[in-house]
């Protein structure tokens, strides 16, 4: 088991996520905020221009903040979410926005006593496979889990599990990499 650097949040994203979590909890809007952040991530994933807007340093911070706030308002998001998006963009942190939303999700899952697991496989799992994996993982980690599946063809076969910040890589690609390293050292 190793820690995956890809799952590490920057200090900035962690601070924003923590602030949003505290505010949402105080206002009793944790579930609403969680749902709307997921909707925002889906919106960004499905819109290349919006993704570019988040990441581009060529767009003025003020313009970015206004545009992202307008999008959030038009989507009907709660004022807590609208303000969060606007503040991050207004502070020049729009490139960290998606990361902060994942940080919020992790805090919310922890608050509910749920472990978040990402299972990456080379091919799409069937519903039966997902159910079996969920059951095994729930027993293994000793709590309810929230399973997200991803297809990563480069894995060749096997599975890569990310449980919080722990990565368990039982993919064929990882085994081949380990064999290659072992053979070079022999």
N, C-alpha and C. Protein backbone atom coordinates (compact mmCIF):
# COMPACT_ATOMS: atom_id res chain seq x y z
N UNK A 1 0.84 -1.18 0.00
CA UNK A 1 0.00 0.00 0.00
C UNK A 1 0.88 1.24 0.00
N UNK A 2 0.61 2.11 -0.90
CA UNK A 2 1.36 3.36 -0.97
C UNK A 2 0.40 4.51 -1.04
N UNK A 3 0.94 5.69 -0.72
CA UNK A 3 0.12 6.87 -0.84
C UNK A 3 0.24 7.41 -2.22
N UNK A 4 -0.87 7.74 -2.80
CA UNK A 4 -0.89 8.27 -4.15
C UNK A 4 -0.83 9.78 -4.11
N UNK A 5 0.15 10.36 -4.78
CA UNK A 5 0.27 11.81 -4.80
C UNK A 5 -0.87 12.45 -5.56
N UNK A 6 -1.49 11.70 -6.47
CA UNK A 6 -2.61 12.24 -7.24
C UNK A 6 -3.82 12.50 -6.36
N UNK A 7 -3.91 11.79 -5.23
CA UNK A 7 -5.07 11.97 -4.37
C UNK A 7 -4.83 13.03 -3.31
N UNK A 8 -3.64 13.57 -3.24
CA UNK A 8 -3.32 14.56 -2.24
C UNK A 8 -3.88 15.92 -2.64
N UNK A 9 -4.57 16.55 -1.73
CA UNK A 9 -5.08 17.89 -1.98
C UNK A 9 -4.00 18.89 -1.63
N UNK A 10 -3.97 19.98 -2.36
CA UNK A 10 -3.05 21.05 -1.99
C UNK A 10 -3.54 21.65 -0.69
N UNK A 11 -2.66 22.36 0.00
CA UNK A 11 -3.07 23.03 1.23
C UNK A 11 -4.19 24.02 0.96
N UNK A 12 -4.12 24.70 -0.17
CA UNK A 12 -5.14 25.67 -0.54
C UNK A 12 -6.50 24.99 -0.70
N UNK A 13 -6.55 23.91 -1.48
CA UNK A 13 -7.80 23.19 -1.71
C UNK A 13 -8.34 22.64 -0.39
N UNK A 14 -7.46 22.14 0.45
CA UNK A 14 -7.87 21.59 1.74
C UNK A 14 -8.49 22.68 2.63
N UNK A 15 -7.87 23.86 2.64
CA UNK A 15 -8.40 24.96 3.47
C UNK A 15 -9.77 25.41 2.97
N UNK A 16 -9.91 25.57 1.67
CA UNK A 16 -11.21 25.98 1.12
C UNK A 16 -12.27 24.92 1.38
N UNK A 17 -11.91 23.66 1.19
CA UNK A 17 -12.86 22.56 1.43
C UNK A 17 -13.28 22.55 2.90
N UNK A 18 -12.33 22.74 3.79
CA UNK A 18 -12.64 22.77 5.22
C UNK A 18 -13.55 23.93 5.59
N UNK A 19 -13.28 25.09 5.01
CA UNK A 19 -14.13 26.26 5.29
C UNK A 19 -15.55 26.03 4.78
N UNK A 20 -15.66 25.49 3.57
CA UNK A 20 -16.99 25.21 3.01
C UNK A 20 -17.71 24.17 3.85
N UNK A 21 -17.00 23.14 4.27
CA UNK A 21 -17.63 22.10 5.08
C UNK A 21 -18.17 22.69 6.39
N UNK A 22 -17.35 23.52 7.04
CA UNK A 22 -17.78 24.15 8.29
C UNK A 22 -19.01 25.01 8.10
N UNK A 23 -19.03 25.80 7.04
CA UNK A 23 -20.17 26.67 6.76
C UNK A 23 -21.42 25.85 6.43
N UNK A 24 -21.26 24.83 5.58
CA UNK A 24 -22.40 24.00 5.20
C UNK A 24 -22.96 23.26 6.41
N UNK A 25 -22.10 22.80 7.28
CA UNK A 25 -22.56 22.10 8.49
C UNK A 25 -23.31 23.08 9.40
N UNK A 26 -22.75 24.27 9.56
CA UNK A 26 -23.37 25.30 10.39
C UNK A 26 -24.77 25.66 9.88
N UNK A 27 -24.93 25.72 8.56
CA UNK A 27 -26.20 26.09 7.95
C UNK A 27 -27.09 24.87 7.68
N UNK A 28 -26.64 23.69 8.09
CA UNK A 28 -27.38 22.44 7.90
C UNK A 28 -27.68 22.19 6.42
N UNK A 29 -26.63 22.38 5.59
CA UNK A 29 -26.80 22.21 4.15
C UNK A 29 -25.75 21.26 3.56
N UNK A 30 -25.24 20.35 4.36
CA UNK A 30 -24.20 19.45 3.89
C UNK A 30 -24.63 18.64 2.67
N UNK A 31 -25.80 18.04 2.72
CA UNK A 31 -26.26 17.20 1.61
C UNK A 31 -26.51 18.03 0.35
N UNK A 32 -27.10 19.19 0.52
CA UNK A 32 -27.37 20.07 -0.63
C UNK A 32 -26.06 20.50 -1.29
N UNK A 33 -25.12 20.93 -0.48
CA UNK A 33 -23.83 21.38 -1.00
C UNK A 33 -23.12 20.22 -1.70
N UNK A 34 -23.14 19.06 -1.10
CA UNK A 34 -22.50 17.89 -1.71
C UNK A 34 -23.10 17.58 -3.08
N UNK A 35 -24.42 17.56 -3.15
CA UNK A 35 -25.09 17.26 -4.42
C UNK A 35 -24.77 18.31 -5.48
N UNK A 36 -24.76 19.57 -5.08
CA UNK A 36 -24.52 20.64 -6.05
C UNK A 36 -23.06 20.69 -6.49
N UNK A 37 -22.14 20.35 -5.62
CA UNK A 37 -20.73 20.27 -6.03
C UNK A 37 -20.53 19.13 -7.02
N UNK A 38 -21.23 18.02 -6.81
CA UNK A 38 -21.15 16.91 -7.76
C UNK A 38 -21.73 17.34 -9.11
N UNK A 39 -22.82 18.10 -9.09
CA UNK A 39 -23.41 18.60 -10.32
C UNK A 39 -22.46 19.57 -11.03
N UNK A 40 -21.76 20.38 -10.25
CA UNK A 40 -20.80 21.32 -10.83
C UNK A 40 -19.65 20.57 -11.49
N UNK A 41 -19.14 19.52 -10.82
CA UNK A 41 -18.06 18.72 -11.41
C UNK A 41 -18.52 18.08 -12.71
N UNK A 42 -19.75 17.58 -12.73
CA UNK A 42 -20.28 16.96 -13.96
C UNK A 42 -20.42 18.01 -15.06
N UNK A 43 -20.84 19.20 -14.69
CA UNK A 43 -20.96 20.29 -15.65
C UNK A 43 -19.61 20.62 -16.27
N UNK A 44 -18.58 20.71 -15.45
CA UNK A 44 -17.24 21.00 -15.94
C UNK A 44 -16.73 19.86 -16.81
N UNK A 45 -16.96 18.63 -16.38
CA UNK A 45 -16.50 17.47 -17.15
C UNK A 45 -17.12 17.42 -18.54
N UNK A 46 -18.34 17.91 -18.65
CA UNK A 46 -19.03 17.87 -19.93
C UNK A 46 -18.90 19.12 -20.78
N UNK A 47 -18.06 20.06 -20.35
CA UNK A 47 -17.95 21.33 -21.06
C UNK A 47 -16.49 21.76 -21.13
N UNK A 48 -15.86 21.55 -22.27
CA UNK A 48 -14.44 21.87 -22.44
C UNK A 48 -14.15 23.35 -22.23
N UNK A 49 -15.05 24.21 -22.65
CA UNK A 49 -14.84 25.66 -22.49
C UNK A 49 -14.85 26.05 -21.02
N UNK A 50 -15.73 25.44 -20.24
CA UNK A 50 -15.79 25.72 -18.81
C UNK A 50 -14.53 25.22 -18.11
N UNK A 51 -14.09 24.04 -18.50
CA UNK A 51 -12.86 23.49 -17.92
C UNK A 51 -11.68 24.41 -18.23
N UNK A 52 -11.61 24.90 -19.45
CA UNK A 52 -10.56 25.83 -19.84
C UNK A 52 -10.65 27.12 -19.04
N UNK A 53 -11.86 27.59 -18.80
CA UNK A 53 -12.06 28.80 -18.01
C UNK A 53 -11.49 28.63 -16.61
N UNK A 54 -11.72 27.49 -16.00
CA UNK A 54 -11.19 27.23 -14.66
C UNK A 54 -9.67 27.26 -14.64
N UNK A 55 -9.06 26.69 -15.66
CA UNK A 55 -7.61 26.47 -15.65
C UNK A 55 -6.78 27.58 -16.29
N UNK A 56 -7.38 28.40 -17.16
CA UNK A 56 -6.63 29.36 -17.94
C UNK A 56 -6.18 30.58 -17.15
N UNK A 57 -4.85 30.84 -17.13
CA UNK A 57 -4.37 32.06 -16.49
C UNK A 57 -4.55 33.29 -17.39
N UNK A 58 -4.95 33.07 -18.63
CA UNK A 58 -5.13 34.18 -19.57
C UNK A 58 -6.43 34.95 -19.32
N UNK A 59 -7.37 34.34 -18.62
CA UNK A 59 -8.64 35.00 -18.33
C UNK A 59 -8.49 35.77 -17.02
N UNK A 60 -8.89 37.04 -17.04
CA UNK A 60 -8.78 37.89 -15.85
C UNK A 60 -9.56 37.28 -14.69
N UNK A 61 -9.02 37.40 -13.50
CA UNK A 61 -9.64 36.84 -12.31
C UNK A 61 -11.06 37.38 -12.12
N UNK A 62 -11.23 38.68 -12.32
CA UNK A 62 -12.56 39.28 -12.14
C UNK A 62 -13.57 38.69 -13.13
N UNK A 63 -13.13 38.53 -14.39
CA UNK A 63 -14.01 37.97 -15.41
C UNK A 63 -14.37 36.52 -15.10
N UNK A 64 -13.37 35.78 -14.63
CA UNK A 64 -13.58 34.38 -14.27
C UNK A 64 -14.59 34.28 -13.13
N UNK A 65 -14.40 35.10 -12.11
CA UNK A 65 -15.28 35.08 -10.95
C UNK A 65 -16.71 35.41 -11.35
N UNK A 66 -16.89 36.44 -12.16
CA UNK A 66 -18.24 36.82 -12.61
C UNK A 66 -18.88 35.70 -13.43
N UNK A 67 -18.12 35.14 -14.35
CA UNK A 67 -18.65 34.09 -15.22
C UNK A 67 -19.05 32.85 -14.41
N UNK A 68 -18.17 32.41 -13.53
CA UNK A 68 -18.44 31.20 -12.75
C UNK A 68 -19.59 31.41 -11.77
N UNK A 69 -19.68 32.60 -11.19
CA UNK A 69 -20.79 32.92 -10.29
C UNK A 69 -22.10 32.92 -11.07
N UNK A 70 -22.09 33.51 -12.26
CA UNK A 70 -23.30 33.54 -13.10
C UNK A 70 -23.74 32.13 -13.48
N UNK A 71 -22.79 31.28 -13.82
CA UNK A 71 -23.11 29.89 -14.17
C UNK A 71 -23.74 29.17 -12.98
N UNK A 72 -23.15 29.36 -11.80
CA UNK A 72 -23.66 28.72 -10.59
C UNK A 72 -25.06 29.22 -10.25
N UNK A 73 -25.28 30.52 -10.40
CA UNK A 73 -26.61 31.08 -10.13
C UNK A 73 -27.63 30.55 -11.13
N UNK A 74 -27.25 30.53 -12.41
CA UNK A 74 -28.17 30.05 -13.45
C UNK A 74 -28.52 28.58 -13.23
N UNK A 75 -27.57 27.81 -12.70
CA UNK A 75 -27.81 26.40 -12.41
C UNK A 75 -28.72 26.23 -11.20
N UNK A 76 -28.99 27.31 -10.48
CA UNK A 76 -29.88 27.25 -9.33
C UNK A 76 -29.22 26.76 -8.06
N UNK A 77 -27.90 26.88 -7.98
CA UNK A 77 -27.18 26.41 -6.80
C UNK A 77 -27.51 27.26 -5.59
N UNK A 78 -27.41 26.64 -4.44
CA UNK A 78 -27.60 27.32 -3.17
C UNK A 78 -26.60 28.46 -3.04
N UNK A 79 -26.97 29.56 -2.36
CA UNK A 79 -26.03 30.68 -2.19
C UNK A 79 -24.68 30.28 -1.58
N UNK A 80 -24.68 29.27 -0.71
CA UNK A 80 -23.42 28.80 -0.12
C UNK A 80 -22.48 28.30 -1.23
N UNK A 81 -23.01 27.55 -2.17
CA UNK A 81 -22.21 27.01 -3.27
C UNK A 81 -21.81 28.13 -4.24
N UNK A 82 -22.75 29.00 -4.56
CA UNK A 82 -22.46 30.12 -5.45
C UNK A 82 -21.33 30.98 -4.87
N UNK A 83 -21.43 31.30 -3.59
CA UNK A 83 -20.40 32.12 -2.95
C UNK A 83 -19.06 31.40 -2.91
N UNK A 84 -19.09 30.11 -2.65
CA UNK A 84 -17.85 29.33 -2.61
C UNK A 84 -17.13 29.39 -3.96
N UNK A 85 -17.88 29.15 -5.02
CA UNK A 85 -17.29 29.20 -6.37
C UNK A 85 -16.77 30.60 -6.67
N UNK A 86 -17.58 31.60 -6.34
CA UNK A 86 -17.18 32.98 -6.59
C UNK A 86 -15.95 33.41 -5.80
N UNK A 87 -15.88 33.02 -4.54
CA UNK A 87 -14.74 33.38 -3.69
C UNK A 87 -13.47 32.72 -4.19
N UNK A 88 -13.55 31.43 -4.50
CA UNK A 88 -12.34 30.75 -4.99
C UNK A 88 -11.85 31.40 -6.28
N UNK A 89 -12.77 31.65 -7.20
CA UNK A 89 -12.38 32.27 -8.47
C UNK A 89 -11.88 33.69 -8.23
N UNK A 90 -12.55 34.43 -7.38
CA UNK A 90 -12.16 35.81 -7.08
C UNK A 90 -10.81 35.93 -6.40
N UNK A 91 -10.42 34.86 -5.71
CA UNK A 91 -9.11 34.83 -5.05
C UNK A 91 -8.03 34.22 -5.95
N UNK A 92 -8.37 34.01 -7.21
CA UNK A 92 -7.39 33.47 -8.15
C UNK A 92 -7.13 31.98 -7.97
N UNK A 93 -8.09 31.28 -7.40
CA UNK A 93 -7.92 29.85 -7.10
C UNK A 93 -8.85 28.95 -7.91
N UNK A 94 -9.30 29.42 -9.05
CA UNK A 94 -10.26 28.61 -9.83
C UNK A 94 -9.65 27.30 -10.31
N UNK A 95 -8.35 27.27 -10.53
CA UNK A 95 -7.71 26.03 -10.97
C UNK A 95 -7.75 24.96 -9.88
N UNK A 96 -7.95 25.37 -8.63
CA UNK A 96 -8.02 24.44 -7.50
C UNK A 96 -9.45 24.10 -7.12
N UNK A 97 -10.41 24.67 -7.83
CA UNK A 97 -11.81 24.53 -7.47
C UNK A 97 -12.29 23.09 -7.46
N UNK A 98 -12.00 22.34 -8.50
CA UNK A 98 -12.45 20.94 -8.54
C UNK A 98 -11.80 20.11 -7.44
N UNK A 99 -10.54 20.38 -7.19
CA UNK A 99 -9.83 19.68 -6.13
C UNK A 99 -10.49 19.97 -4.77
N UNK A 100 -10.86 21.22 -4.55
CA UNK A 100 -11.52 21.59 -3.30
C UNK A 100 -12.88 20.90 -3.16
N UNK A 101 -13.58 20.72 -4.28
CA UNK A 101 -14.88 20.03 -4.20
C UNK A 101 -14.67 18.56 -3.81
N UNK A 102 -13.59 17.96 -4.29
CA UNK A 102 -13.28 16.58 -3.88
C UNK A 102 -12.91 16.54 -2.39
N UNK A 103 -12.21 17.57 -1.94
CA UNK A 103 -11.87 17.66 -0.52
C UNK A 103 -13.12 17.75 0.35
N UNK A 104 -14.09 18.54 -0.11
CA UNK A 104 -15.36 18.64 0.61
C UNK A 104 -16.03 17.26 0.66
N UNK A 105 -16.05 16.56 -0.47
CA UNK A 105 -16.66 15.23 -0.52
C UNK A 105 -16.03 14.28 0.48
N UNK A 106 -14.71 14.34 0.58
CA UNK A 106 -14.01 13.47 1.53
C UNK A 106 -14.40 13.81 2.97
N UNK A 107 -14.48 15.09 3.28
CA UNK A 107 -14.88 15.51 4.63
C UNK A 107 -16.33 15.08 4.93
N UNK A 108 -17.19 15.22 3.94
CA UNK A 108 -18.59 14.86 4.12
C UNK A 108 -18.75 13.35 4.29
N UNK A 109 -18.03 12.58 3.51
CA UNK A 109 -18.08 11.12 3.64
C UNK A 109 -17.58 10.70 5.02
N UNK A 110 -16.49 11.31 5.47
CA UNK A 110 -15.95 11.00 6.78
C UNK A 110 -16.96 11.37 7.87
N UNK A 111 -17.61 12.50 7.72
CA UNK A 111 -18.63 12.95 8.66
C UNK A 111 -19.76 11.94 8.78
N UNK A 112 -20.11 11.31 7.67
CA UNK A 112 -21.18 10.32 7.65
C UNK A 112 -20.68 8.92 8.01
N UNK A 113 -19.37 8.77 8.24
CA UNK A 113 -18.81 7.47 8.58
C UNK A 113 -18.68 6.55 7.40
N UNK A 114 -18.54 7.13 6.22
CA UNK A 114 -18.44 6.35 4.99
C UNK A 114 -17.04 6.48 4.41
N UNK A 115 -16.50 5.36 4.00
CA UNK A 115 -15.20 5.36 3.32
C UNK A 115 -15.46 5.46 1.82
N UNK A 116 -14.74 6.35 1.17
CA UNK A 116 -14.86 6.49 -0.27
C UNK A 116 -13.80 5.62 -0.93
N UNK A 117 -14.23 4.83 -1.91
CA UNK A 117 -13.33 3.92 -2.61
C UNK A 117 -13.47 4.15 -4.11
N UNK A 118 -12.33 4.27 -4.78
CA UNK A 118 -12.32 4.35 -6.24
C UNK A 118 -11.68 3.07 -6.74
N UNK A 119 -12.43 2.33 -7.53
CA UNK A 119 -11.94 1.07 -8.11
C UNK A 119 -11.72 1.30 -9.59
N UNK A 120 -10.47 1.18 -10.01
CA UNK A 120 -10.13 1.34 -11.43
C UNK A 120 -9.83 -0.03 -12.01
N UNK A 121 -10.45 -0.32 -13.15
CA UNK A 121 -10.24 -1.59 -13.83
C UNK A 121 -10.02 -1.33 -15.32
N UNK A 122 -9.47 -2.31 -16.01
CA UNK A 122 -9.22 -2.16 -17.44
C UNK A 122 -10.51 -2.21 -18.25
N UNK A 123 -11.51 -2.90 -17.73
CA UNK A 123 -12.80 -3.04 -18.41
C UNK A 123 -13.91 -2.71 -17.43
N UNK A 124 -15.03 -2.27 -17.95
CA UNK A 124 -16.17 -1.93 -17.10
C UNK A 124 -16.64 -3.17 -16.33
N UNK A 125 -16.85 -2.98 -15.02
CA UNK A 125 -17.34 -4.07 -14.20
C UNK A 125 -18.85 -4.22 -14.39
N UNK A 126 -19.33 -5.43 -14.23
CA UNK A 126 -20.77 -5.67 -14.27
C UNK A 126 -21.36 -5.22 -12.94
N UNK A 127 -22.67 -5.08 -12.90
CA UNK A 127 -23.35 -4.70 -11.66
C UNK A 127 -23.09 -5.73 -10.56
N UNK A 128 -23.06 -7.00 -10.93
CA UNK A 128 -22.81 -8.06 -9.95
C UNK A 128 -21.39 -7.95 -9.39
N UNK A 129 -20.42 -7.65 -10.26
CA UNK A 129 -19.04 -7.48 -9.80
C UNK A 129 -18.91 -6.28 -8.86
N UNK A 130 -19.57 -5.19 -9.21
CA UNK A 130 -19.53 -4.00 -8.36
C UNK A 130 -20.14 -4.29 -6.99
N UNK A 131 -21.27 -5.01 -6.99
CA UNK A 131 -21.94 -5.34 -5.73
C UNK A 131 -21.04 -6.22 -4.87
N UNK A 132 -20.43 -7.22 -5.49
CA UNK A 132 -19.55 -8.14 -4.75
C UNK A 132 -18.34 -7.38 -4.19
N UNK A 133 -17.75 -6.52 -5.01
CA UNK A 133 -16.60 -5.72 -4.56
C UNK A 133 -17.01 -4.81 -3.41
N UNK A 134 -18.17 -4.17 -3.52
CA UNK A 134 -18.65 -3.28 -2.46
C UNK A 134 -18.82 -4.04 -1.14
N UNK A 135 -19.41 -5.22 -1.22
CA UNK A 135 -19.63 -6.04 -0.03
C UNK A 135 -18.29 -6.43 0.62
N UNK A 136 -17.35 -6.89 -0.21
CA UNK A 136 -16.03 -7.29 0.31
C UNK A 136 -15.29 -6.11 0.93
N UNK A 137 -15.35 -4.97 0.26
CA UNK A 137 -14.66 -3.79 0.78
C UNK A 137 -15.27 -3.28 2.07
N UNK A 138 -16.59 -3.29 2.16
CA UNK A 138 -17.27 -2.84 3.38
C UNK A 138 -16.85 -3.71 4.57
N UNK A 139 -16.76 -5.03 4.35
CA UNK A 139 -16.31 -5.94 5.42
C UNK A 139 -14.86 -5.66 5.75
N UNK A 140 -14.05 -5.43 4.73
CA UNK A 140 -12.62 -5.23 4.92
C UNK A 140 -12.29 -3.94 5.67
N UNK A 141 -12.97 -2.85 5.34
CA UNK A 141 -12.66 -1.57 5.99
C UNK A 141 -13.48 -1.35 7.25
N UNK A 142 -14.50 -2.17 7.46
CA UNK A 142 -15.27 -2.09 8.69
C UNK A 142 -16.25 -0.94 8.74
N UNK A 143 -16.66 -0.44 7.59
CA UNK A 143 -17.67 0.63 7.56
C UNK A 143 -18.37 0.61 6.20
N UNK A 144 -19.41 1.40 6.11
CA UNK A 144 -20.07 1.54 4.81
C UNK A 144 -19.10 2.20 3.84
N UNK A 145 -19.26 1.88 2.57
CA UNK A 145 -18.40 2.49 1.56
C UNK A 145 -19.23 3.13 0.47
N UNK A 146 -18.60 4.04 -0.20
CA UNK A 146 -19.17 4.67 -1.39
C UNK A 146 -18.21 4.32 -2.52
N UNK A 147 -18.66 3.49 -3.45
CA UNK A 147 -17.79 2.98 -4.51
C UNK A 147 -17.97 3.77 -5.79
N UNK A 148 -16.85 4.23 -6.31
CA UNK A 148 -16.82 4.88 -7.62
C UNK A 148 -15.96 4.00 -8.51
N UNK A 149 -16.45 3.69 -9.70
CA UNK A 149 -15.66 2.85 -10.61
C UNK A 149 -15.18 3.68 -11.79
N UNK A 150 -14.00 3.34 -12.24
CA UNK A 150 -13.40 4.00 -13.40
C UNK A 150 -12.80 2.94 -14.32
N UNK A 151 -12.84 3.21 -15.60
CA UNK A 151 -12.22 2.32 -16.57
C UNK A 151 -10.91 2.97 -17.01
N UNK A 152 -9.80 2.24 -16.80
CA UNK A 152 -8.47 2.70 -17.17
C UNK A 152 -7.83 1.58 -17.99
N UNK A 153 -7.97 1.62 -19.31
CA UNK A 153 -7.47 0.52 -20.15
C UNK A 153 -5.98 0.21 -19.96
N UNK A 154 -5.18 1.20 -19.58
CA UNK A 154 -3.74 0.98 -19.39
C UNK A 154 -3.43 -0.03 -18.28
N UNK A 155 -4.38 -0.34 -17.43
CA UNK A 155 -4.13 -1.30 -16.35
C UNK A 155 -4.00 -2.72 -16.87
N UNK A 156 -4.44 -2.98 -18.07
CA UNK A 156 -4.42 -4.28 -18.75
C UNK A 156 -5.40 -5.26 -18.11
N UNK A 157 -5.37 -5.41 -16.82
CA UNK A 157 -6.26 -6.31 -16.09
C UNK A 157 -6.08 -6.06 -14.60
N UNK A 158 -6.82 -6.77 -13.78
CA UNK A 158 -6.72 -6.58 -12.34
C UNK A 158 -7.49 -5.36 -11.89
N UNK A 159 -7.12 -4.87 -10.72
CA UNK A 159 -7.84 -3.73 -10.14
C UNK A 159 -6.87 -2.83 -9.36
N UNK A 160 -7.18 -1.56 -9.36
CA UNK A 160 -6.46 -0.58 -8.53
C UNK A 160 -7.51 0.05 -7.62
N UNK A 161 -7.30 -0.07 -6.30
CA UNK A 161 -8.24 0.47 -5.33
C UNK A 161 -7.62 1.66 -4.61
N UNK A 162 -8.37 2.70 -4.54
CA UNK A 162 -7.95 3.87 -3.77
C UNK A 162 -8.96 4.04 -2.64
N UNK A 163 -8.50 3.83 -1.42
CA UNK A 163 -9.35 3.95 -0.24
C UNK A 163 -8.80 5.11 0.57
N UNK A 164 -9.48 6.25 0.47
CA UNK A 164 -8.94 7.46 1.08
C UNK A 164 -7.64 7.80 0.39
N UNK A 165 -6.57 7.92 1.16
CA UNK A 165 -5.27 8.24 0.57
C UNK A 165 -4.41 7.00 0.34
N UNK A 166 -4.98 5.81 0.58
CA UNK A 166 -4.24 4.55 0.40
C UNK A 166 -4.54 3.98 -0.98
N UNK A 167 -3.47 3.58 -1.66
CA UNK A 167 -3.62 2.99 -2.99
C UNK A 167 -3.15 1.55 -2.95
N UNK A 168 -4.02 0.65 -3.38
CA UNK A 168 -3.69 -0.77 -3.50
C UNK A 168 -3.74 -1.10 -4.98
N UNK A 169 -2.59 -1.39 -5.55
CA UNK A 169 -2.51 -1.60 -6.99
C UNK A 169 -2.25 -3.07 -7.29
N UNK A 170 -3.31 -3.79 -7.66
CA UNK A 170 -3.21 -5.20 -8.03
C UNK A 170 -3.48 -5.36 -9.52
N UNK A 171 -3.05 -4.36 -10.29
CA UNK A 171 -3.26 -4.41 -11.74
C UNK A 171 -2.12 -5.18 -12.40
N UNK A 172 -2.38 -5.68 -13.57
CA UNK A 172 -1.34 -6.39 -14.32
C UNK A 172 -0.24 -5.41 -14.71
N UNK A 173 -0.60 -4.18 -15.05
CA UNK A 173 0.41 -3.17 -15.41
C UNK A 173 1.39 -2.96 -14.26
N UNK A 174 0.88 -2.88 -13.02
CA UNK A 174 1.76 -2.68 -11.86
C UNK A 174 2.64 -3.90 -11.64
N UNK A 175 2.08 -5.09 -11.83
CA UNK A 175 2.88 -6.31 -11.67
C UNK A 175 3.99 -6.37 -12.71
N UNK A 176 3.70 -5.98 -13.94
CA UNK A 176 4.73 -5.94 -14.99
C UNK A 176 5.81 -4.92 -14.66
N UNK A 177 5.40 -3.77 -14.14
CA UNK A 177 6.37 -2.75 -13.73
C UNK A 177 7.29 -3.29 -12.63
N UNK A 178 6.71 -3.98 -11.64
CA UNK A 178 7.52 -4.53 -10.55
C UNK A 178 8.48 -5.60 -11.07
N UNK A 179 8.01 -6.43 -12.02
CA UNK A 179 8.88 -7.45 -12.60
C UNK A 179 10.03 -6.79 -13.37
N UNK A 180 9.74 -5.73 -14.10
CA UNK A 180 10.74 -5.02 -14.86
C UNK A 180 11.81 -4.45 -13.95
N UNK A 181 11.40 -3.86 -12.85
CA UNK A 181 12.33 -3.30 -11.88
C UNK A 181 13.17 -4.41 -11.25
N UNK A 182 12.55 -5.51 -10.91
CA UNK A 182 13.26 -6.64 -10.31
C UNK A 182 14.30 -7.20 -11.29
N UNK A 183 13.93 -7.30 -12.55
CA UNK A 183 14.86 -7.85 -13.54
C UNK A 183 16.04 -6.91 -13.77
N UNK A 184 15.82 -5.63 -13.71
CA UNK A 184 16.93 -4.68 -13.87
C UNK A 184 17.90 -4.75 -12.73
N UNK A 185 17.36 -5.06 -11.53
CA UNK A 185 18.21 -5.13 -10.35
C UNK A 185 18.93 -6.46 -10.22
N UNK A 186 18.55 -7.47 -11.00
CA UNK A 186 19.15 -8.80 -10.86
C UNK A 186 20.44 -8.93 -11.59
